[in-house]
């Protein structure tokens, strides 16, 4: 079973990758209330940024292909 600390860190990363501002604020606040170390919070944020960046790169590739080949989504 995943403990509450790990769940909050996962939620922070997921919130960052989803670009959900209220979610990030909520989950960082929850993490601090659980006394999760600021370094661990930052690591979760960094993972979320990596996921978001990877997804954005894949979307950019798809969009350039769709536009270049005049394809429908």
Protein backbone atom coordinates (compact mmCIF):
# COMPACT_ATOMS: atom_id res chain seq x y z
CA UNK A 1 0.00 0.00 0.00
CA UNK A 2 1.25 3.49 -0.83
CA UNK A 3 1.57 5.78 2.16
CA UNK A 4 0.10 9.29 2.30
CA UNK A 5 3.50 10.95 1.79
CA UNK A 6 4.13 9.12 -1.46
CA UNK A 7 0.56 9.83 -2.62
CA UNK A 8 1.06 13.57 -2.08
CA UNK A 9 4.37 13.56 -3.94
CA UNK A 10 2.74 11.71 -6.83
CA UNK A 11 -0.15 14.18 -6.77
CA UNK A 12 2.29 17.10 -6.95
CA UNK A 13 4.04 15.65 -10.00
CA UNK A 14 0.74 14.83 -11.68
CA UNK A 15 -0.58 18.32 -10.96
CA UNK A 16 2.49 19.93 -12.51
CA UNK A 17 2.29 17.73 -15.61
CA UNK A 18 -1.41 18.57 -15.99
CA UNK A 19 -0.74 22.33 -15.62
CA UNK A 20 -3.34 22.46 -12.84
CA UNK A 21 -2.49 25.55 -10.79
CA UNK A 22 -5.07 24.98 -8.03
CA UNK A 23 -4.00 21.33 -7.78
CA UNK A 24 -0.33 22.26 -7.35
CA UNK A 25 -1.17 24.79 -4.64
CA UNK A 26 -3.39 22.32 -2.81
CA UNK A 27 -1.00 19.37 -2.94
CA UNK A 28 2.10 21.40 -2.01
CA UNK A 29 0.17 22.78 0.98
CA UNK A 30 -0.87 19.24 1.95
CA UNK A 31 2.71 18.02 1.61
CA UNK A 32 3.98 20.80 3.86
CA UNK A 33 1.30 19.99 6.44
CA UNK A 34 2.59 16.41 6.39
CA UNK A 35 6.11 17.81 7.01
CA UNK A 36 7.40 16.45 3.72
CA UNK A 37 10.89 17.78 3.06
CA UNK A 38 11.10 20.73 0.65
CA UNK A 39 13.73 18.86 -1.37
CA UNK A 40 11.32 15.97 -1.90
CA UNK A 41 8.58 18.40 -2.94
CA UNK A 42 10.99 19.99 -5.43
CA UNK A 43 11.93 16.57 -6.80
CA UNK A 44 8.25 15.78 -7.39
CA UNK A 45 7.86 19.13 -9.16
CA UNK A 46 10.90 18.38 -11.32
CA UNK A 47 9.49 14.98 -12.33
CA UNK A 48 6.18 16.64 -13.26
CA UNK A 49 8.08 19.16 -15.39
CA UNK A 50 9.91 16.36 -17.21
CA UNK A 51 6.63 14.58 -17.95
CA UNK A 52 5.00 17.82 -19.12
CA UNK A 53 7.99 18.64 -21.33
CA UNK A 54 7.97 15.17 -22.88
CA UNK A 55 4.24 15.35 -23.57
CA UNK A 56 4.59 18.83 -25.08
CA UNK A 57 7.37 17.58 -27.36
CA UNK A 58 5.21 14.69 -28.56
CA UNK A 59 2.30 17.07 -29.18
CA UNK A 60 4.57 19.37 -31.18
CA UNK A 61 5.64 16.42 -33.35
CA UNK A 62 2.03 15.38 -33.91
CA UNK A 63 0.95 18.89 -34.81
CA UNK A 64 3.79 19.39 -37.28
CA UNK A 65 2.90 16.08 -38.95
CA UNK A 66 -0.80 16.94 -39.09
CA UNK A 67 -0.11 20.37 -40.58
CA UNK A 68 2.63 19.14 -42.93
CA UNK A 69 0.59 16.22 -44.26
CA UNK A 70 -2.74 18.08 -44.12
CA UNK A 71 -4.22 15.29 -41.99
CA UNK A 72 -7.20 15.38 -39.70
CA UNK A 73 -6.78 14.62 -36.01
